[in-house]
Amino acid sequence: MGYLRLLSGAYFLGLVAVELFEAVTNTPPSLIWESIPTVLVSVGIVVGTIVLVRAGLLGPRAVLMVVVLAFLATLGSGYHVVSYPPVIRCGVGSSFGGFPFPWFSRWIFSRDEGCPLPLLPLQNPGPLLGIFLTDMLFYLAIGISTLELARYRLQFRSRV
């Protein structure tokens, strides 16, 4: 049973690494769709969690605790904001928040008084639920891998 915990911890850490690589190479951020590797990693996290619960390696209280912590971590990641200011005199820039993928954005308008054209009011897209859930799954995978590797370590230490 101990090696199953090590294997599951390594599995979730591998998924976290793939998602981080995808987030780092996905610049500028795409707020409309998720890439295929990101979707596959998200499915892998959900399926892996279900398998751990069904195998009895992860109890419902542990899942609830990790889901709540993943939700709070995702909300906290909204403080990670990257801004792209307007590059032309009467331009519109953008600001993205969330980590590893930006799940909300805001428009940044040029404040130049000499702008000959009035900027049309653009509606801020606000938070995007799909990308928010993807980030939440990312933090869920970190939590589950930490929990499983800690349990493996405790089992390994008790045998010695």
C-alpha atoms as a PDB file:
ATOM      1  CA  MET A   1       0.000   0.000   0.000  1.00  0.00           C
ATOM      2  CA  GLY A   2       2.908   2.353   0.724  1.00  0.00           C
ATOM      3  CA  TYR A   3       4.164   2.274  -2.824  1.00  0.00           C
ATOM      4  CA  LEU A   4       0.675   3.100  -4.111  1.00  0.00           C
ATOM      5  CA  ARG A   5       0.842   6.325  -2.096  1.00  0.00           C
ATOM      6  CA  LEU A   6       4.269   7.101  -3.558  1.00  0.00           C
ATOM      7  CA  LEU A   7       2.991   6.359  -7.055  1.00  0.00           C
ATOM      8  CA  SER A   8      -0.131   8.487  -6.646  1.00  0.00           C
ATOM      9  CA  GLY A   9       1.880  11.367  -5.158  1.00  0.00           C
ATOM     10  CA  ALA A  10       4.312  11.222  -8.073  1.00  0.00           C
ATOM     11  CA  TYR A  11       1.395  11.021 -10.536  1.00  0.00           C
ATOM     12  CA  PHE A  12      -0.185  14.211  -9.200  1.00  0.00           C
ATOM     13  CA  LEU A  13       3.177  16.002  -9.028  1.00  0.00           C
ATOM     14  CA  GLY A  14       3.760  15.075 -12.674  1.00  0.00           C
ATOM     15  CA  LEU A  15       0.392  16.559 -13.619  1.00  0.00           C
ATOM     16  CA  VAL A  16       1.287  19.741 -11.706  1.00  0.00           C
ATOM     17  CA  ALA A  17       4.589  19.963 -13.616  1.00  0.00           C
ATOM     18  CA  VAL A  18       2.836  19.566 -16.983  1.00  0.00           C
ATOM     19  CA  GLU A  19       0.289  22.237 -16.083  1.00  0.00           C
ATOM     20  CA  LEU A  20       3.010  24.639 -14.927  1.00  0.00           C
ATOM     21  CA  PHE A  21       4.906  24.085 -18.176  1.00  0.00           C
ATOM     22  CA  GLU A  22       1.721  24.757 -20.131  1.00  0.00           C
ATOM     23  CA  ALA A  23       1.048  27.936 -18.144  1.00  0.00           C
ATOM     24  CA  VAL A  24       4.593  29.255 -18.621  1.00  0.00           C
ATOM     25  CA  THR A  25       4.648  28.617 -22.378  1.00  0.00           C
ATOM     26  CA  ASN A  26       1.131  30.020 -22.923  1.00  0.00           C
ATOM     27  CA  THR A  27       1.992  33.726 -23.315  1.00  0.00           C
ATOM     28  CA  PRO A  28       0.155  35.997 -23.744  1.00  0.00           C
ATOM     29  CA  PRO A  29      -2.598  34.286 -21.805  1.00  0.00           C
ATOM     30  CA  SER A  30      -5.579  32.966 -23.681  1.00  0.00           C
ATOM     31  CA  LEU A  31      -8.811  33.864 -21.908  1.00  0.00           C
ATOM     32  CA  ILE A  32     -11.105  32.254 -24.462  1.00  0.00           C
ATOM     33  CA  TRP A  33     -10.079  28.595 -24.485  1.00  0.00           C
ATOM     34  CA  GLU A  34      -7.842  26.128 -22.738  1.00  0.00           C
ATOM     35  CA  SER A  35      -5.236  24.166 -24.656  1.00  0.00           C
ATOM     36  CA  ILE A  36      -5.600  20.423 -25.179  1.00  0.00           C
ATOM     37  CA  PRO A  37      -2.769  19.471 -22.749  1.00  0.00           C
ATOM     38  CA  THR A  38      -4.383  21.602 -20.045  1.00  0.00           C
ATOM     39  CA  VAL A  39      -7.749  19.923 -20.555  1.00  0.00           C
ATOM     40  CA  LEU A  40      -6.109  16.466 -20.503  1.00  0.00           C
ATOM     41  CA  VAL A  41      -4.249  17.295 -17.280  1.00  0.00           C
ATOM     42  CA  SER A  42      -7.499  18.516 -15.701  1.00  0.00           C
ATOM     43  CA  VAL A  43      -9.227  15.271 -16.695  1.00  0.00           C
ATOM     44  CA  GLY A  44      -6.260  13.331 -15.290  1.00  0.00           C
ATOM     45  CA  ILE A  45      -6.575  15.138 -11.966  1.00  0.00           C
ATOM     46  CA  VAL A  46     -10.313  14.423 -11.725  1.00  0.00           C
ATOM     47  CA  VAL A  47      -9.907  10.757 -12.736  1.00  0.00           C
ATOM     48  CA  GLY A  48      -6.936  10.301 -10.383  1.00  0.00           C
ATOM     49  CA  THR A  49      -8.906  11.755  -7.488  1.00  0.00           C
ATOM     50  CA  ILE A  50     -11.857   9.473  -8.207  1.00  0.00           C
ATOM     51  CA  VAL A  51      -9.551   6.428  -8.381  1.00  0.00           C
ATOM     52  CA  LEU A  52      -7.945   7.317  -5.038  1.00  0.00           C
ATOM     53  CA  VAL A  53     -11.336   7.723  -3.375  1.00  0.00           C
ATOM     54  CA  ARG A  54     -12.710   4.503  -4.854  1.00  0.00           C
ATOM     55  CA  ALA A  55      -9.557   2.581  -3.829  1.00  0.00           C
ATOM     56  CA  GLY A  56      -9.951   3.808  -0.270  1.00  0.00           C
ATOM     57  CA  LEU A  57      -6.636   5.666  -0.247  1.00  0.00           C
ATOM     58  CA  LEU A  58      -8.312   9.060   0.147  1.00  0.00           C
ATOM     59  CA  GLY A  59     -11.259   9.534   2.483  1.00  0.00           C
ATOM     60  CA  PRO A  60     -14.162  11.926   1.923  1.00  0.00           C
ATOM     61  CA  ARG A  61     -13.024  14.241   4.744  1.00  0.00           C
ATOM     62  CA  ALA A  62      -9.558  14.523   3.214  1.00  0.00           C
ATOM     63  CA  VAL A  63     -11.057  15.254  -0.210  1.00  0.00           C
ATOM     64  CA  LEU A  64     -13.325  17.943   1.268  1.00  0.00           C
ATOM     65  CA  MET A  65     -10.398  19.513   3.119  1.00  0.00           C
ATOM     66  CA  VAL A  66      -8.199  19.578   0.012  1.00  0.00           C
ATOM     67  CA  VAL A  67     -11.027  20.952  -2.172  1.00  0.00           C
ATOM     68  CA  VAL A  68     -11.697  23.799   0.289  1.00  0.00           C
ATOM     69  CA  LEU A  69      -7.984  24.619   0.485  1.00  0.00           C
ATOM     70  CA  ALA A  70      -7.704  24.487  -3.331  1.00  0.00           C
ATOM     71  CA  PHE A  71     -10.632  26.919  -3.614  1.00  0.00           C
ATOM     72  CA  LEU A  72      -9.027  29.321  -1.134  1.00  0.00           C
ATOM     73  CA  ALA A  73      -5.645  29.055  -2.858  1.00  0.00           C
ATOM     74  CA  THR A  74      -7.258  29.802  -6.213  1.00  0.00           C
ATOM     75  CA  LEU A  75      -8.969  32.881  -4.789  1.00  0.00           C
ATOM     76  CA  GLY A  76      -5.665  33.966  -3.287  1.00  0.00           C
ATOM     77  CA  SER A  77      -3.946  33.534  -6.631  1.00  0.00           C
ATOM     78  CA  GLY A  78      -6.118  36.363  -7.950  1.00  0.00           C
ATOM     79  CA  TYR A  79      -3.688  38.759  -6.287  1.00  0.00           C
ATOM     80  CA  HIS A  80      -1.072  37.702  -8.848  1.00  0.00           C
ATOM     81  CA  VAL A  81      -1.799  40.380 -11.473  1.00  0.00           C
ATOM     82  CA  VAL A  82       0.112  40.942 -14.706  1.00  0.00           C
ATOM     83  CA  SER A  83      -0.541  44.194 -16.594  1.00  0.00           C
ATOM     84  CA  TYR A  84      -0.081  44.970 -20.273  1.00  0.00           C
ATOM     85  CA  PRO A  85      -0.446  48.782 -20.527  1.00  0.00           C
ATOM     86  CA  PRO A  86      -1.637  50.475 -23.726  1.00  0.00           C
ATOM     87  CA  VAL A  87       1.197  50.720 -26.231  1.00  0.00           C
ATOM     88  CA  ILE A  88      -0.281  53.478 -28.384  1.00  0.00           C
ATOM     89  CA  ARG A  89      -1.575  56.925 -27.508  1.00  0.00           C
ATOM     90  CA  CYS A  90      -5.292  56.056 -27.554  1.00  0.00           C
ATOM     91  CA  GLY A  91      -4.997  52.368 -26.867  1.00  0.00           C
ATOM     92  CA  VAL A  92      -6.458  49.823 -24.578  1.00  0.00           C
ATOM     93  CA  GLY A  93      -4.313  47.549 -22.426  1.00  0.00           C
ATOM     94  CA  SER A  94      -5.247  44.668 -20.221  1.00  0.00           C
ATOM     95  CA  SER A  95      -4.584  43.267 -16.787  1.00  0.00           C
ATOM     96  CA  PHE A  96      -4.753  39.550 -15.994  1.00  0.00           C
ATOM     97  CA  GLY A  97      -5.024  37.900 -12.582  1.00  0.00           C
ATOM     98  CA  GLY A  98      -4.790  34.339 -11.334  1.00  0.00           C
ATOM     99  CA  PHE A  99      -2.128  31.664 -11.244  1.00  0.00           C
ATOM    100  CA  PRO A 100      -1.103  29.473 -13.029  1.00  0.00           C
ATOM    101  CA  PHE A 101      -3.690  30.523 -15.614  1.00  0.00           C
ATOM    102  CA  PRO A 102      -5.306  33.984 -15.579  1.00  0.00           C
ATOM    103  CA  TRP A 103      -8.956  33.577 -14.655  1.00  0.00           C
ATOM    104  CA  PHE A 104      -9.979  37.218 -14.690  1.00  0.00           C
ATOM    105  CA  SER A 105      -9.080  40.256 -16.733  1.00  0.00           C
ATOM    106  CA  ARG A 106      -9.669  43.983 -16.770  1.00  0.00           C
ATOM    107  CA  TRP A 107      -9.237  46.563 -19.487  1.00  0.00           C
ATOM    108  CA  ILE A 108      -6.774  49.428 -18.972  1.00  0.00           C
ATOM    109  CA  PHE A 109      -7.711  52.572 -20.909  1.00  0.00           C
ATOM    110  CA  SER A 110      -5.294  55.239 -22.050  1.00  0.00           C
ATOM    111  CA  ARG A 111      -5.619  58.354 -19.852  1.00  0.00           C
ATOM    112  CA  ASP A 112      -4.375  60.742 -22.541  1.00  0.00           C
ATOM    113  CA  GLU A 113      -6.559  63.880 -22.800  1.00  0.00           C
ATOM    114  CA  GLY A 114      -5.376  64.571 -26.352  1.00  0.00           C
ATOM    115  CA  CYS A 115      -6.941  61.444 -27.754  1.00  0.00           C
ATOM    116  CA  PRO A 116      -8.951  62.479 -30.849  1.00  0.00           C
ATOM    117  CA  LEU A 117     -11.191  59.392 -30.783  1.00  0.00           C
ATOM    118  CA  PRO A 118     -13.363  58.570 -27.814  1.00  0.00           C
ATOM    119  CA  LEU A 119     -12.767  55.055 -26.631  1.00  0.00           C
ATOM    120  CA  LEU A 120     -15.882  52.960 -26.777  1.00  0.00           C
ATOM    121  CA  PRO A 121     -16.807  51.551 -23.410  1.00  0.00           C
ATOM    122  CA  LEU A 122     -15.693  47.959 -23.234  1.00  0.00           C
ATOM    123  CA  GLN A 123     -17.148  45.596 -20.714  1.00  0.00           C
ATOM    124  CA  ASN A 124     -14.624  43.850 -18.513  1.00  0.00           C
ATOM    125  CA  PRO A 125     -14.958  40.102 -19.004  1.00  0.00           C
ATOM    126  CA  GLY A 126     -14.681  39.432 -15.275  1.00  0.00           C
ATOM    127  CA  PRO A 127     -13.829  36.023 -13.883  1.00  0.00           C
ATOM    128  CA  LEU A 128     -13.965  33.028 -16.196  1.00  0.00           C
ATOM    129  CA  LEU A 129     -15.372  29.965 -14.453  1.00  0.00           C
ATOM    130  CA  GLY A 130     -13.692  27.334 -16.654  1.00  0.00           C
ATOM    131  CA  ILE A 131     -10.220  28.724 -16.115  1.00  0.00           C
ATOM    132  CA  PHE A 132     -10.952  29.280 -12.404  1.00  0.00           C
ATOM    133  CA  LEU A 133     -11.853  25.582 -12.117  1.00  0.00           C
ATOM    134  CA  THR A 134      -8.675  24.631 -14.010  1.00  0.00           C
ATOM    135  CA  ASP A 135      -6.615  26.610 -11.504  1.00  0.00           C
ATOM    136  CA  MET A 136      -8.549  25.024  -8.661  1.00  0.00           C
ATOM    137  CA  LEU A 137      -7.747  21.553 -10.038  1.00  0.00           C
ATOM    138  CA  PHE A 138      -4.089  22.585 -10.181  1.00  0.00           C
ATOM    139  CA  TYR A 139      -4.112  23.403  -6.464  1.00  0.00           C
ATOM    140  CA  LEU A 140      -6.128  20.253  -5.767  1.00  0.00           C
ATOM    141  CA  ALA A 141      -3.373  18.189  -7.400  1.00  0.00           C
ATOM    142  CA  ILE A 142      -0.743  19.942  -5.275  1.00  0.00           C
ATOM    143  CA  GLY A 143      -2.751  19.194  -2.135  1.00  0.00           C
ATOM    144  CA  ILE A 144      -3.365  15.541  -2.976  1.00  0.00           C
ATOM    145  CA  SER A 145       0.263  14.925  -3.941  1.00  0.00           C
ATOM    146  CA  THR A 146       1.449  16.544  -0.712  1.00  0.00           C
ATOM    147  CA  LEU A 147      -0.994  14.477   1.327  1.00  0.00           C
ATOM    148  CA  GLU A 148      -0.095  11.202  -0.389  1.00  0.00           C
ATOM    149  CA  LEU A 149       3.663  11.756  -0.185  1.00  0.00           C
ATOM    150  CA  ALA A 150       3.372  12.700   3.497  1.00  0.00           C
ATOM    151  CA  ARG A 151       1.360   9.538   4.171  1.00  0.00           C
ATOM    152  CA  TYR A 152       3.959   7.470   2.304  1.00  0.00           C
ATOM    153  CA  ARG A 153       6.709   9.065   4.368  1.00  0.00           C
ATOM    154  CA  LEU A 154       4.872   8.271   7.609  1.00  0.00           C
ATOM    155  CA  GLN A 155       4.346   4.648   6.539  1.00  0.00           C
ATOM    156  CA  PHE A 156       7.976   4.328   5.467  1.00  0.00           C
ATOM    157  CA  ARG A 157       9.198   5.839   8.739  1.00  0.00           C
ATOM    158  CA  SER A 158       7.020   3.526  10.851  1.00  0.00           C
ATOM    159  CA  ARG A 159       8.516   0.432   9.128  1.00  0.00           C
ATOM    160  CA  VAL A 160      12.096   1.406   9.944  1.00  0.00           C
END
